[in-house]
């Protein structure tokens, strides 16, 4: 492969490119807005049942680690 067949990638950013109409403009000049956080509850929505299930899960995990 001769030197003529190679592409000069170093010279691709020529003078005047920074004002080109081909460049993307920022939609949000002050930065992107914060991503919304959507919380989904997989466990039961009944608060009493949720607390009981949470207690049981923690109990099993404690026994598994040998804490009790």
PDB file of N, CA and C in Angstrom:
ATOM      1  N   UNK A   1       0.854  -1.171   0.000  1.00  0.00           N
ATOM      2  CA  UNK A   1       0.000   0.000   0.000  1.00  0.00           C
ATOM      3  C   UNK A   1       0.904   1.239   0.000  1.00  0.00           C
ATOM      4  N   UNK A   2       0.708   2.072  -0.987  1.00  0.00           N
ATOM      5  CA  UNK A   2       1.545   3.263  -1.086  1.00  0.00           C
ATOM      6  C   UNK A   2       0.997   4.380  -0.201  1.00  0.00           C
ATOM      7  N   UNK A   3       1.778   5.403  -0.058  1.00  0.00           N
ATOM      8  CA  UNK A   3       1.401   6.524   0.804  1.00  0.00           C
ATOM      9  C   UNK A   3       0.193   7.289   0.251  1.00  0.00           C
ATOM     10  N   UNK A   4      -0.018   7.277  -1.063  1.00  0.00           N
ATOM     11  CA  UNK A   4      -1.141   7.977  -1.683  1.00  0.00           C
ATOM     12  C   UNK A   4      -2.478   7.303  -1.372  1.00  0.00           C
ATOM     13  N   UNK A   5      -2.461   5.992  -1.109  1.00  0.00           N
ATOM     14  CA  UNK A   5      -3.688   5.251  -0.848  1.00  0.00           C
ATOM     15  C   UNK A   5      -4.233   5.469   0.559  1.00  0.00           C
ATOM     16  N   UNK A   6      -3.436   6.005   1.416  1.00  0.00           N
ATOM     17  CA  UNK A   6      -3.858   6.206   2.800  1.00  0.00           C
ATOM     18  C   UNK A   6      -4.623   7.522   2.948  1.00  0.00           C
ATOM     19  N   UNK A   7      -5.573   7.567   3.862  1.00  0.00           N
ATOM     20  CA  UNK A   7      -6.357   8.774   4.111  1.00  0.00           C
ATOM     21  C   UNK A   7      -5.708   9.561   5.236  1.00  0.00           C
ATOM     22  N   UNK A   8      -5.574  10.846   5.030  1.00  0.00           N
ATOM     23  CA  UNK A   8      -4.999  11.724   6.052  1.00  0.00           C
ATOM     24  C   UNK A   8      -6.117  12.132   7.008  1.00  0.00           C
ATOM     25  N   UNK A   9      -6.211  11.463   8.152  1.00  0.00           N
ATOM     26  CA  UNK A   9      -7.265  11.781   9.122  1.00  0.00           C
ATOM     27  C   UNK A   9      -6.880  12.939  10.029  1.00  0.00           C
ATOM     28  N   UNK A  10      -5.621  13.312  10.051  1.00  0.00           N
ATOM     29  CA  UNK A  10      -5.195  14.404  10.916  1.00  0.00           C
ATOM     30  C   UNK A  10      -5.673  15.753  10.398  1.00  0.00           C
ATOM     31  N   UNK A  11      -5.834  15.880   9.081  1.00  0.00           N
ATOM     32  CA  UNK A  11      -6.218  17.154   8.506  1.00  0.00           C
ATOM     33  C   UNK A  11      -7.711  17.286   8.261  1.00  0.00           C
ATOM     34  N   UNK A  12      -8.528  16.413   8.841  1.00  0.00           N
ATOM     35  CA  UNK A  12      -9.969  16.435   8.569  1.00  0.00           C
ATOM     36  C   UNK A  12     -10.690  17.585   9.266  1.00  0.00           C
ATOM     37  N   UNK A  13     -10.118  18.157  10.284  1.00  0.00           N
ATOM     38  CA  UNK A  13     -10.749  19.283  10.959  1.00  0.00           C
ATOM     39  C   UNK A  13     -10.078  20.557  10.485  1.00  0.00           C
ATOM     40  N   UNK A  14     -10.516  21.002   9.334  1.00  0.00           N
ATOM     41  CA  UNK A  14      -9.910  22.174   8.714  1.00  0.00           C
ATOM     42  C   UNK A  14     -10.470  23.449   9.324  1.00  0.00           C
ATOM     43  N   UNK A  15      -9.845  24.576   8.985  1.00  0.00           N
ATOM     44  CA  UNK A  15     -10.266  25.877   9.475  1.00  0.00           C
ATOM     45  C   UNK A  15     -11.683  26.170   8.974  1.00  0.00           C
ATOM     46  N   UNK A  16     -12.550  26.674   9.820  1.00  0.00           N
ATOM     47  CA  UNK A  16     -13.912  27.035   9.441  1.00  0.00           C
ATOM     48  C   UNK A  16     -14.942  25.962   9.717  1.00  0.00           C
ATOM     49  N   UNK A  17     -14.514  24.780  10.144  1.00  0.00           N
ATOM     50  CA  UNK A  17     -15.451  23.688  10.389  1.00  0.00           C
ATOM     51  C   UNK A  17     -16.298  23.957  11.638  1.00  0.00           C
ATOM     52  N   UNK A  18     -15.762  24.682  12.590  1.00  0.00           N
ATOM     53  CA  UNK A  18     -16.510  24.919  13.837  1.00  0.00           C
ATOM     54  C   UNK A  18     -17.774  25.737  13.610  1.00  0.00           C
ATOM     55  N   UNK A  19     -17.876  26.443  12.491  1.00  0.00           N
ATOM     56  CA  UNK A  19     -19.072  27.238  12.185  1.00  0.00           C
ATOM     57  C   UNK A  19     -19.912  26.597  11.086  1.00  0.00           C
ATOM     58  N   UNK A  20     -19.660  25.345  10.791  1.00  0.00           N
ATOM     59  CA  UNK A  20     -20.358  24.656   9.711  1.00  0.00           C
ATOM     60  C   UNK A  20     -21.812  24.390  10.088  1.00  0.00           C
ATOM     61  N   UNK A  21     -22.694  24.406   9.092  1.00  0.00           N
ATOM     62  CA  UNK A  21     -24.117  24.122   9.341  1.00  0.00           C
ATOM     63  C   UNK A  21     -24.355  22.633   9.536  1.00  0.00           C
ATOM     64  N   UNK A  22     -23.361  21.801   9.262  1.00  0.00           N
ATOM     65  CA  UNK A  22     -23.507  20.356   9.408  1.00  0.00           C
ATOM     66  C   UNK A  22     -23.361  19.903  10.860  1.00  0.00           C
ATOM     67  N   UNK A  23     -22.817  20.740  11.710  1.00  0.00           N
ATOM     68  CA  UNK A  23     -22.632  20.365  13.113  1.00  0.00           C
ATOM     69  C   UNK A  23     -23.958  20.410  13.850  1.00  0.00           C
ATOM     70  N   UNK A  24     -24.146  19.497  14.790  1.00  0.00           N
ATOM     71  CA  UNK A  24     -25.372  19.467  15.591  1.00  0.00           C
ATOM     72  C   UNK A  24     -25.375  20.625  16.581  1.00  0.00           C
ATOM     73  N   UNK A  25     -26.541  21.188  16.781  1.00  0.00           N
ATOM     74  CA  UNK A  25     -26.672  22.230  17.797  1.00  0.00           C
ATOM     75  C   UNK A  25     -27.289  21.608  19.047  1.00  0.00           C
ATOM     76  N   UNK A  26     -26.961  22.138  20.181  1.00  0.00           N
ATOM     77  CA  UNK A  26     -27.482  21.612  21.441  1.00  0.00           C
ATOM     78  C   UNK A  26     -28.945  22.006  21.597  1.00  0.00           C
ATOM     79  N   UNK A  27     -29.785  21.060  21.987  1.00  0.00           N
ATOM     80  CA  UNK A  27     -31.203  21.353  22.208  1.00  0.00           C
ATOM     81  C   UNK A  27     -31.413  22.081  23.529  1.00  0.00           C
ATOM     82  N   UNK A  28     -30.576  21.758  24.480  1.00  0.00           N
ATOM     83  CA  UNK A  28     -30.712  22.327  25.817  1.00  0.00           C
ATOM     84  C   UNK A  28     -29.459  23.145  26.121  1.00  0.00           C
ATOM     85  N   UNK A  29     -29.508  24.439  25.950  1.00  0.00           N
ATOM     86  CA  UNK A  29     -28.305  25.245  26.191  1.00  0.00           C
ATOM     87  C   UNK A  29     -27.850  25.235  27.646  1.00  0.00           C
ATOM     88  N   UNK A  30     -28.780  24.984  28.591  1.00  0.00           N
ATOM     89  CA  UNK A  30     -28.429  24.957  30.013  1.00  0.00           C
ATOM     90  C   UNK A  30     -28.097  23.552  30.494  1.00  0.00           C
ATOM     91  N   UNK A  31     -28.024  22.587  29.585  1.00  0.00           N
ATOM     92  CA  UNK A  31     -27.759  21.205  29.969  1.00  0.00           C
ATOM     93  C   UNK A  31     -29.044  20.397  29.907  1.00  0.00           C
ATOM     94  N   UNK A  32     -28.900  19.106  29.883  1.00  0.00           N
ATOM     95  CA  UNK A  32     -30.062  18.225  29.800  1.00  0.00           C
ATOM     96  C   UNK A  32     -30.824  18.218  31.124  1.00  0.00           C
ATOM     97  N   UNK A  33     -32.155  18.102  31.069  1.00  0.00           N
ATOM     98  CA  UNK A  33     -32.935  18.033  32.314  1.00  0.00           C
ATOM     99  C   UNK A  33     -32.675  16.708  33.028  1.00  0.00           C
ATOM    100  N   UNK A  34     -32.962  16.682  34.306  1.00  0.00           N
ATOM    101  CA  UNK A  34     -32.738  15.467  35.096  1.00  0.00           C
ATOM    102  C   UNK A  34     -33.658  14.348  34.611  1.00  0.00           C
ATOM    103  N   UNK A  35     -33.138  13.140  34.641  1.00  0.00           N
ATOM    104  CA  UNK A  35     -33.923  11.992  34.204  1.00  0.00           C
ATOM    105  C   UNK A  35     -34.982  11.676  35.256  1.00  0.00           C
ATOM    106  N   UNK A  36     -36.227  11.500  34.845  1.00  0.00           N
ATOM    107  CA  UNK A  36     -37.270  11.203  35.832  1.00  0.00           C
ATOM    108  C   UNK A  36     -37.084   9.798  36.415  1.00  0.00           C
ATOM    109  N   UNK A  37     -37.277   9.677  37.713  1.00  0.00           N
ATOM    110  CA  UNK A  37     -37.144   8.392  38.392  1.00  0.00           C
ATOM    111  C   UNK A  37     -38.546   7.849  38.633  1.00  0.00           C
ATOM    112  N   UNK A  38     -38.814   6.679  38.067  1.00  0.00           N
ATOM    113  CA  UNK A  38     -40.120   6.049  38.223  1.00  0.00           C
ATOM    114  C   UNK A  38     -39.949   4.878  39.174  1.00  0.00           C
ATOM    115  N   UNK A  39     -40.605   4.979  40.328  1.00  0.00           N
ATOM    116  CA  UNK A  39     -40.508   3.915  41.322  1.00  0.00           C
ATOM    117  C   UNK A  39     -41.676   2.956  41.127  1.00  0.00           C
ATOM    118  N   UNK A  40     -41.344   1.680  40.995  1.00  0.00           N
ATOM    119  CA  UNK A  40     -42.370   0.656  40.860  1.00  0.00           C
ATOM    120  C   UNK A  40     -42.245  -0.288  42.048  1.00  0.00           C
ATOM    121  N   UNK A  41     -43.348  -0.554  42.682  1.00  0.00           N
ATOM    122  CA  UNK A  41     -43.349  -1.439  43.837  1.00  0.00           C
ATOM    123  C   UNK A  41     -43.780  -2.828  43.384  1.00  0.00           C
ATOM    124  N   UNK A  42     -42.883  -3.779  43.512  1.00  0.00           N
ATOM    125  CA  UNK A  42     -43.168  -5.148  43.098  1.00  0.00           C
ATOM    126  C   UNK A  42     -43.916  -5.887  44.208  1.00  0.00           C
ATOM    127  N   UNK A  43     -43.576  -5.579  45.439  1.00  0.00           N
ATOM    128  CA  UNK A  43     -44.212  -6.230  46.584  1.00  0.00           C
ATOM    129  C   UNK A  43     -45.636  -5.699  46.751  1.00  0.00           C
ATOM    130  N   UNK A  44     -46.433  -6.340  47.614  1.00  0.00           N
ATOM    131  CA  UNK A  44     -47.839  -5.944  47.788  1.00  0.00           C
ATOM    132  C   UNK A  44     -48.002  -4.472  48.152  1.00  0.00           C
ATOM    133  N   UNK A  45     -49.086  -3.880  47.657  1.00  0.00           N
ATOM    134  CA  UNK A  45     -49.351  -2.468  47.928  1.00  0.00           C
ATOM    135  C   UNK A  45     -50.007  -2.256  49.288  1.00  0.00           C
ATOM    136  N   UNK A  46     -50.552  -3.316  49.868  1.00  0.00           N
ATOM    137  CA  UNK A  46     -51.126  -3.244  51.207  1.00  0.00           C
ATOM    138  C   UNK A  46     -49.972  -3.055  52.194  1.00  0.00           C
ATOM    139  N   UNK A  47     -49.995  -1.973  52.941  1.00  0.00           N
ATOM    140  CA  UNK A  47     -48.865  -1.617  53.813  1.00  0.00           C
ATOM    141  C   UNK A  47     -48.589  -2.668  54.886  1.00  0.00           C
ATOM    142  N   UNK A  48     -49.647  -3.225  55.487  1.00  0.00           N
ATOM    143  CA  UNK A  48     -49.467  -4.238  56.537  1.00  0.00           C
ATOM    144  C   UNK A  48     -48.827  -5.501  55.972  1.00  0.00           C
ATOM    145  N   UNK A  49     -49.299  -5.933  54.802  1.00  0.00           N
ATOM    146  CA  UNK A  49     -48.755  -7.127  54.166  1.00  0.00           C
ATOM    147  C   UNK A  49     -47.316  -6.884  53.715  1.00  0.00           C
ATOM    148  N   UNK A  50     -47.057  -5.678  53.243  1.00  0.00           N
ATOM    149  CA  UNK A  50     -45.700  -5.304  52.822  1.00  0.00           C
ATOM    150  C   UNK A  50     -44.729  -5.375  53.998  1.00  0.00           C
ATOM    151  N   UNK A  51     -45.115  -4.814  55.135  1.00  0.00           N
ATOM    152  CA  UNK A  51     -44.246  -4.824  56.319  1.00  0.00           C
ATOM    153  C   UNK A  51     -44.015  -6.242  56.826  1.00  0.00           C
ATOM    154  N   UNK A  52     -45.051  -7.074  56.793  1.00  0.00           N
ATOM    155  CA  UNK A  52     -44.912  -8.456  57.252  1.00  0.00           C
ATOM    156  C   UNK A  52     -43.959  -9.228  56.336  1.00  0.00           C
ATOM    157  N   UNK A  53     -44.108  -9.039  55.053  1.00  0.00           N
ATOM    158  CA  UNK A  53     -43.239  -9.719  54.100  1.00  0.00           C
ATOM    159  C   UNK A  53     -41.791  -9.239  54.241  1.00  0.00           C
ATOM    160  N   UNK A  54     -41.616  -7.953  54.463  1.00  0.00           N
ATOM    161  CA  UNK A  54     -40.282  -7.386  54.654  1.00  0.00           C
ATOM    162  C   UNK A  54     -39.628  -7.980  55.901  1.00  0.00           C
ATOM    163  N   UNK A  55     -40.410  -8.111  56.974  1.00  0.00           N
ATOM    164  CA  UNK A  55     -39.918  -8.700  58.218  1.00  0.00           C
ATOM    165  C   UNK A  55     -39.483 -10.148  58.010  1.00  0.00           C
ATOM    166  N   UNK A  56     -40.313 -10.919  57.299  1.00  0.00           N
ATOM    167  CA  UNK A  56     -39.991 -12.323  57.037  1.00  0.00           C
ATOM    168  C   UNK A  56     -38.722 -12.463  56.193  1.00  0.00           C
ATOM    169  N   UNK A  57     -38.593 -11.631  55.188  1.00  0.00           N
ATOM    170  CA  UNK A  57     -37.405 -11.692  54.328  1.00  0.00           C
ATOM    171  C   UNK A  57     -36.149 -11.376  55.141  1.00  0.00           C
ATOM    172  N   UNK A  58     -36.220 -10.352  55.978  1.00  0.00           N
ATOM    173  CA  UNK A  58     -35.066 -10.002  56.810  1.00  0.00           C
ATOM    174  C   UNK A  58     -34.749 -11.098  57.813  1.00  0.00           C
ATOM    175  N   UNK A  59     -35.775 -11.748  58.346  1.00  0.00           N
ATOM    176  CA  UNK A  59     -35.575 -12.866  59.283  1.00  0.00           C
ATOM    177  C   UNK A  59     -34.822 -14.006  58.613  1.00  0.00           C
ATOM    178  N   UNK A  60     -35.251 -14.364  57.416  1.00  0.00           N
ATOM    179  CA  UNK A  60     -34.617 -15.459  56.678  1.00  0.00           C
ATOM    180  C   UNK A  60     -33.174 -15.098  56.343  1.00  0.00           C
ATOM    181  N   UNK A  61     -32.942 -13.868  55.941  1.00  0.00           N
ATOM    182  CA  UNK A  61     -31.574 -13.457  55.624  1.00  0.00           C
ATOM    183  C   UNK A  61     -30.687 -13.458  56.860  1.00  0.00           C
ATOM    184  N   UNK A  62     -31.241 -13.063  58.009  1.00  0.00           N
ATOM    185  CA  UNK A  62     -30.475 -13.091  59.254  1.00  0.00           C
ATOM    186  C   UNK A  62     -30.111 -14.508  59.639  1.00  0.00           C
ATOM    187  N   UNK A  63     -31.054 -15.447  59.506  1.00  0.00           N
ATOM    188  CA  UNK A  63     -30.782 -16.839  59.821  1.00  0.00           C
ATOM    189  C   UNK A  63     -29.729 -17.417  58.861  1.00  0.00           C
ATOM    190  N   UNK A  64     -29.801 -16.994  57.648  1.00  0.00           N
ATOM    191  CA  UNK A  64     -28.865 -17.478  56.658  1.00  0.00           C
ATOM    192  C   UNK A  64     -27.443 -17.062  56.966  1.00  0.00           C
ATOM    193  N   UNK A  65     -27.278 -15.836  57.505  1.00  0.00           N
ATOM    194  CA  UNK A  65     -25.956 -15.330  57.854  1.00  0.00           C
ATOM    195  C   UNK A  65     -25.515 -15.813  59.225  1.00  0.00           C
ATOM    196  N   UNK A  66     -26.411 -16.412  59.995  1.00  0.00           N
ATOM    197  CA  UNK A  66     -26.072 -16.903  61.320  1.00  0.00           C
ATOM    198  C   UNK A  66     -26.047 -15.811  62.370  1.00  0.00           C
ATOM    199  N   UNK A  67     -26.791 -14.755  62.167  1.00  0.00           N
ATOM    200  CA  UNK A  67     -26.819 -13.643  63.118  1.00  0.00           C
ATOM    201  C   UNK A  67     -27.600 -14.017  64.372  1.00  0.00           C
ATOM    202  N   UNK A  68     -28.720 -14.706  64.209  1.00  0.00           N
ATOM    203  CA  UNK A  68     -29.563 -15.036  65.370  1.00  0.00           C
ATOM    204  C   UNK A  68     -29.068 -16.238  66.095  1.00  0.00           C
TER     205      UNK A  68
END
